[in-house]
Amino acid sequence: MLKIGIVGVGHLGKFHLNNWLEIPDVEVVGFMDPDDKNAQEVIEKYQIQRFSDSLAFLNLCDAIDVVTPTNYHFEWCVKAIKMGKHVFVEKPLADSMEQAHKIVKLAKEANVKVQVGHVERFNPAFLALKGR
């Protein structure tokens, strides 16, 4: 069973949450989100625990899904990687090439996987527009 934590359950984060809940052998252990109203809606709809302590949250996860504004990607990726957690992160990976290179370097050193969510790259409608 893969234990996933979601960082950011706003508009796009809810899509990620719904998708994770459909995957067999995945347990969504909880989420972090600073918006109280949004978090309460997620708690009521999905009965999933909200965390305010990132260390307690990350300790329960095998991997995290980072669906935050870009300026938080680096912070969350580094935190998770340093704790040996795998990361799925929405695009772009980071605010700068320097941050992106650091994330890749840390992931290699920690022997964890980092995946960037370029989901539209394989969308048939997008591919048709590109003449592929």
Foldseek 3Di string as FASTA:
>chain_A
DFEEEEEDCPDVNVVVVVVQVPDPPYDDQAYEDPDPVSRVVCCVVPVHDYDPDVVVRLVRGQEYEYDDPQQCLLVVLVVNLVVLHAYEYEPPNHDDPVSVVVSVVSCVVSVHYYHYPPPCVPPPVVCVVVVD
